[in-house]
Amino acid sequence: MSDSIAASQSAIPSSSTSSGTLAHATPASAPEVPGRREFFKYRDLLVAQATDGRMRAQVMSSSRGLSKPTGWHYHACEAQFVYGLKGWVDLEFEDGRKIRLQAGESLLIPGGMKHNETATSEEFELLEVTLPGDMGTVPCEKPVQAG
């Protein structure tokens, strides 16, 4: 066995040392759940249950676009990772950056980073993964650096 194969196999935990359970979500098995924003639909991908809340994964979608900005806020979490599946979302951040996240692009937002979603395409869908699974949203004032 080559050293690279042996090294990669040693990094894979055995079933006796891994934590959590296998989670397989399908469109039929992934339930729609309440979420932070009324204009989004949230589909839970069963990850929070499988990881005892250490992580959450959900698909957020909208078919009518964002009618007004969400307002400045931050999340009480370690990190929020998003991956665009359909359409786009415009975001502004506390450091003054403005980003249009489009389908096929990803963004990692560290916990506590102030941001604001300002617009979305009519059809919009993204994958969101958070650590830990129970993520709080805290409204805040517009940061001075944001302009």
C-alpha atoms as a PDB file:
ATOM      1  CA  MET A   1       0.000   0.000   0.000  1.00  0.00           C
ATOM      2  CA  SER A   2       1.408   3.413  -0.932  1.00  0.00           C
ATOM      3  CA  ASP A   3       2.119   5.987   1.769  1.00  0.00           C
ATOM      4  CA  SER A   4      -0.518   8.398   0.347  1.00  0.00           C
ATOM      5  CA  ILE A   5      -3.243   5.734   0.464  1.00  0.00           C
ATOM      6  CA  ALA A   6      -2.254   4.668   3.970  1.00  0.00           C
ATOM      7  CA  ALA A   7      -2.229   8.284   5.137  1.00  0.00           C
ATOM      8  CA  SER A   8      -5.679   8.993   3.674  1.00  0.00           C
ATOM      9  CA  GLN A   9      -7.130   5.812   5.192  1.00  0.00           C
ATOM     10  CA  SER A  10      -5.737   6.646   8.618  1.00  0.00           C
ATOM     11  CA  ALA A  11      -7.557  10.013   8.488  1.00  0.00           C
ATOM     12  CA  ILE A  12     -10.938   8.270   8.105  1.00  0.00           C
ATOM     13  CA  PRO A  13     -12.414   7.516  11.523  1.00  0.00           C
ATOM     14  CA  SER A  14     -13.731   4.045  12.093  1.00  0.00           C
ATOM     15  CA  SER A  15     -17.404   3.658  12.947  1.00  0.00           C
ATOM     16  CA  SER A  16     -16.476   3.024  16.569  1.00  0.00           C
ATOM     17  CA  THR A  17     -14.786   6.433  16.921  1.00  0.00           C
ATOM     18  CA  SER A  18     -17.064   8.645  14.807  1.00  0.00           C
ATOM     19  CA  SER A  19     -19.831  10.706  16.324  1.00  0.00           C
ATOM     20  CA  GLY A  20     -23.195  11.398  14.789  1.00  0.00           C
ATOM     21  CA  THR A  21     -25.298   9.349  12.462  1.00  0.00           C
ATOM     22  CA  LEU A  22     -25.658   9.021   8.718  1.00  0.00           C
ATOM     23  CA  ALA A  23     -28.187  11.498   7.292  1.00  0.00           C
ATOM     24  CA  HIS A  24     -29.622  11.159   3.784  1.00  0.00           C
ATOM     25  CA  ALA A  25     -32.084  13.861   2.810  1.00  0.00           C
ATOM     26  CA  THR A  26     -34.222  13.698  -0.311  1.00  0.00           C
ATOM     27  CA  PRO A  27     -36.780  16.212  -1.570  1.00  0.00           C
ATOM     28  CA  ALA A  28     -39.439  13.930  -0.079  1.00  0.00           C
ATOM     29  CA  SER A  29     -37.735  13.407   3.304  1.00  0.00           C
ATOM     30  CA  ALA A  30     -36.316  16.898   3.933  1.00  0.00           C
ATOM     31  CA  PRO A  31     -39.076  18.761   5.776  1.00  0.00           C
ATOM     32  CA  GLU A  32     -39.942  22.398   5.295  1.00  0.00           C
ATOM     33  CA  VAL A  33     -39.250  24.179   8.590  1.00  0.00           C
ATOM     34  CA  PRO A  34     -39.789  27.682  10.005  1.00  0.00           C
ATOM     35  CA  GLY A  35     -36.875  30.026   9.469  1.00  0.00           C
ATOM     36  CA  ARG A  36     -35.478  33.473  10.198  1.00  0.00           C
ATOM     37  CA  ARG A  37     -37.098  35.269   7.251  1.00  0.00           C
ATOM     38  CA  GLU A  38     -40.759  35.075   6.229  1.00  0.00           C
ATOM     39  CA  PHE A  39     -39.991  35.480   2.503  1.00  0.00           C
ATOM     40  CA  PHE A  40     -37.803  32.339   2.396  1.00  0.00           C
ATOM     41  CA  LYS A  41     -38.793  28.700   2.464  1.00  0.00           C
ATOM     42  CA  TYR A  42     -36.390  26.567   4.502  1.00  0.00           C
ATOM     43  CA  ARG A  43     -35.838  22.858   3.846  1.00  0.00           C
ATOM     44  CA  ASP A  44     -33.994  21.028   6.626  1.00  0.00           C
ATOM     45  CA  LEU A  45     -31.404  18.529   5.357  1.00  0.00           C
ATOM     46  CA  LEU A  46     -31.477  16.467   8.595  1.00  0.00           C
ATOM     47  CA  VAL A  47     -27.876  17.341   9.533  1.00  0.00           C
ATOM     48  CA  ALA A  48     -28.641  18.976  12.903  1.00  0.00           C
ATOM     49  CA  GLN A  49     -30.376  15.828  14.114  1.00  0.00           C
ATOM     50  CA  ALA A  50     -27.544  13.604  12.840  1.00  0.00           C
ATOM     51  CA  THR A  51     -24.828  15.721  14.527  1.00  0.00           C
ATOM     52  CA  ASP A  52     -26.639  16.405  17.801  1.00  0.00           C
ATOM     53  CA  GLY A  53     -26.823  20.077  16.829  1.00  0.00           C
ATOM     54  CA  ARG A  54     -23.122  20.599  16.088  1.00  0.00           C
ATOM     55  CA  MET A  55     -23.973  21.575  12.495  1.00  0.00           C
ATOM     56  CA  ARG A  56     -27.057  22.487  10.489  1.00  0.00           C
ATOM     57  CA  ALA A  57     -27.605  22.363   6.728  1.00  0.00           C
ATOM     58  CA  GLN A  58     -30.648  23.693   4.959  1.00  0.00           C
ATOM     59  CA  VAL A  59     -31.765  24.901   1.560  1.00  0.00           C
ATOM     60  CA  MET A  60     -33.262  28.392   1.532  1.00  0.00           C
ATOM     61  CA  SER A  61     -35.388  29.385  -1.456  1.00  0.00           C
ATOM     62  CA  SER A  62     -37.657  32.160  -2.650  1.00  0.00           C
ATOM     63  CA  SER A  63     -39.757  32.665  -5.751  1.00  0.00           C
ATOM     64  CA  ARG A  64     -40.640  36.328  -5.218  1.00  0.00           C
ATOM     65  CA  GLY A  65     -37.355  38.069  -4.477  1.00  0.00           C
ATOM     66  CA  LEU A  66     -36.432  40.286  -1.564  1.00  0.00           C
ATOM     67  CA  SER A  67     -38.779  43.298  -1.370  1.00  0.00           C
ATOM     68  CA  LYS A  68     -36.605  45.265   1.087  1.00  0.00           C
ATOM     69  CA  PRO A  69     -33.227  44.764   2.797  1.00  0.00           C
ATOM     70  CA  THR A  70     -33.164  42.405   5.770  1.00  0.00           C
ATOM     71  CA  GLY A  71     -31.564  45.058   7.953  1.00  0.00           C
ATOM     72  CA  TRP A  72     -28.127  44.949   9.515  1.00  0.00           C
ATOM     73  CA  HIS A  73     -27.550  41.914  11.717  1.00  0.00           C
ATOM     74  CA  TYR A  74     -25.007  39.322  12.756  1.00  0.00           C
ATOM     75  CA  HIS A  75     -25.253  35.683  13.696  1.00  0.00           C
ATOM     76  CA  ALA A  76     -24.323  34.200  17.061  1.00  0.00           C
ATOM     77  CA  CYS A  77     -22.407  31.180  15.739  1.00  0.00           C
ATOM     78  CA  GLU A  78     -18.902  30.063  14.793  1.00  0.00           C
ATOM     79  CA  ALA A  79     -19.564  30.337  11.063  1.00  0.00           C
ATOM     80  CA  GLN A  80     -22.229  30.516   8.372  1.00  0.00           C
ATOM     81  CA  PHE A  81     -21.330  28.976   5.013  1.00  0.00           C
ATOM     82  CA  VAL A  82     -23.553  29.587   1.997  1.00  0.00           C
ATOM     83  CA  TYR A  83     -23.402  28.183  -1.525  1.00  0.00           C
ATOM     84  CA  GLY A  84     -25.545  29.672  -4.290  1.00  0.00           C
ATOM     85  CA  LEU A  85     -27.725  27.142  -6.094  1.00  0.00           C
ATOM     86  CA  LYS A  86     -29.965  29.424  -8.169  1.00  0.00           C
ATOM     87  CA  GLY A  87     -30.136  33.164  -8.800  1.00  0.00           C
ATOM     88  CA  TRP A  88     -28.207  35.726  -6.737  1.00  0.00           C
ATOM     89  CA  VAL A  89     -28.198  37.701  -3.482  1.00  0.00           C
ATOM     90  CA  ASP A  90     -26.563  41.082  -2.840  1.00  0.00           C
ATOM     91  CA  LEU A  91     -24.877  41.480   0.544  1.00  0.00           C
ATOM     92  CA  GLU A  92     -23.008  44.296   2.236  1.00  0.00           C
ATOM     93  CA  PHE A  93     -20.568  43.783   5.083  1.00  0.00           C
ATOM     94  CA  GLU A  94     -19.279  45.781   8.050  1.00  0.00           C
ATOM     95  CA  ASP A  95     -15.904  46.347   6.352  1.00  0.00           C
ATOM     96  CA  GLY A  96     -17.587  48.117   3.413  1.00  0.00           C
ATOM     97  CA  ARG A  97     -17.440  45.210   0.957  1.00  0.00           C
ATOM     98  CA  LYS A  98     -20.446  44.563  -1.274  1.00  0.00           C
ATOM     99  CA  ILE A  99     -20.754  41.105  -2.808  1.00  0.00           C
ATOM    100  CA  ARG A 100     -23.244  39.637  -5.262  1.00  0.00           C
ATOM    101  CA  LEU A 101     -23.258  35.903  -4.511  1.00  0.00           C
ATOM    102  CA  GLN A 102     -24.394  34.001  -7.603  1.00  0.00           C
ATOM    103  CA  ALA A 103     -25.191  30.364  -8.369  1.00  0.00           C
ATOM    104  CA  GLY A 104     -22.010  28.297  -8.132  1.00  0.00           C
ATOM    105  CA  GLU A 105     -20.309  30.682  -5.692  1.00  0.00           C
ATOM    106  CA  SER A 106     -19.742  30.284  -1.955  1.00  0.00           C
ATOM    107  CA  LEU A 107     -19.225  32.566   0.997  1.00  0.00           C
ATOM    108  CA  LEU A 108     -18.060  31.928   4.553  1.00  0.00           C
ATOM    109  CA  ILE A 109     -19.333  34.523   7.015  1.00  0.00           C
ATOM    110  CA  PRO A 110     -17.581  34.314  10.400  1.00  0.00           C
ATOM    111  CA  GLY A 111     -19.862  34.453  13.421  1.00  0.00           C
ATOM    112  CA  GLY A 112     -20.367  38.004  14.658  1.00  0.00           C
ATOM    113  CA  MET A 113     -19.669  39.646  11.279  1.00  0.00           C
ATOM    114  CA  LYS A 114     -22.291  42.333  10.654  1.00  0.00           C
ATOM    115  CA  HIS A 115     -24.009  42.148   7.279  1.00  0.00           C
ATOM    116  CA  ASN A 116     -27.173  43.026   5.392  1.00  0.00           C
ATOM    117  CA  GLU A 117     -28.897  41.280   2.485  1.00  0.00           C
ATOM    118  CA  THR A 118     -30.073  44.070   0.198  1.00  0.00           C
ATOM    119  CA  ALA A 119     -31.606  42.289  -2.830  1.00  0.00           C
ATOM    120  CA  THR A 120     -32.169  38.901  -4.448  1.00  0.00           C
ATOM    121  CA  SER A 121     -33.178  37.668  -7.861  1.00  0.00           C
ATOM    122  CA  GLU A 122     -36.837  36.645  -8.225  1.00  0.00           C
ATOM    123  CA  GLU A 123     -35.896  32.947  -8.213  1.00  0.00           C
ATOM    124  CA  PHE A 124     -33.318  32.356  -5.502  1.00  0.00           C
ATOM    125  CA  GLU A 125     -31.942  29.273  -3.755  1.00  0.00           C
ATOM    126  CA  LEU A 126     -28.897  28.600  -1.605  1.00  0.00           C
ATOM    127  CA  LEU A 127     -27.426  25.954   0.649  1.00  0.00           C
ATOM    128  CA  GLU A 128     -26.646  27.219   4.144  1.00  0.00           C
ATOM    129  CA  VAL A 129     -24.455  25.341   6.637  1.00  0.00           C
ATOM    130  CA  THR A 130     -23.976  26.704  10.156  1.00  0.00           C
ATOM    131  CA  LEU A 131     -21.749  25.795  13.083  1.00  0.00           C
ATOM    132  CA  PRO A 132     -23.236  25.142  15.546  1.00  0.00           C
ATOM    133  CA  GLY A 133     -26.672  24.210  14.282  1.00  0.00           C
ATOM    134  CA  ASP A 134     -28.536  26.546  16.607  1.00  0.00           C
ATOM    135  CA  MET A 135     -27.607  29.939  15.188  1.00  0.00           C
ATOM    136  CA  GLY A 136     -28.985  33.158  16.643  1.00  0.00           C
ATOM    137  CA  THR A 137     -29.668  36.292  14.582  1.00  0.00           C
ATOM    138  CA  VAL A 138     -29.035  39.617  16.321  1.00  0.00           C
ATOM    139  CA  PRO A 139     -30.252  42.899  14.732  1.00  0.00           C
ATOM    140  CA  CYS A 140     -27.710  45.746  14.924  1.00  0.00           C
ATOM    141  CA  GLU A 141     -27.034  49.259  13.720  1.00  0.00           C
ATOM    142  CA  LYS A 142     -25.326  49.917  10.381  1.00  0.00           C
ATOM    143  CA  PRO A 143     -21.562  49.874  11.026  1.00  0.00           C
ATOM    144  CA  VAL A 144     -19.711  53.172  10.425  1.00  0.00           C
ATOM    145  CA  GLN A 145     -17.222  51.444   8.067  1.00  0.00           C
ATOM    146  CA  ALA A 146     -20.059  50.163   5.877  1.00  0.00           C
ATOM    147  CA  GLY A 147     -20.466  53.677   4.446  1.00  0.00           C
END
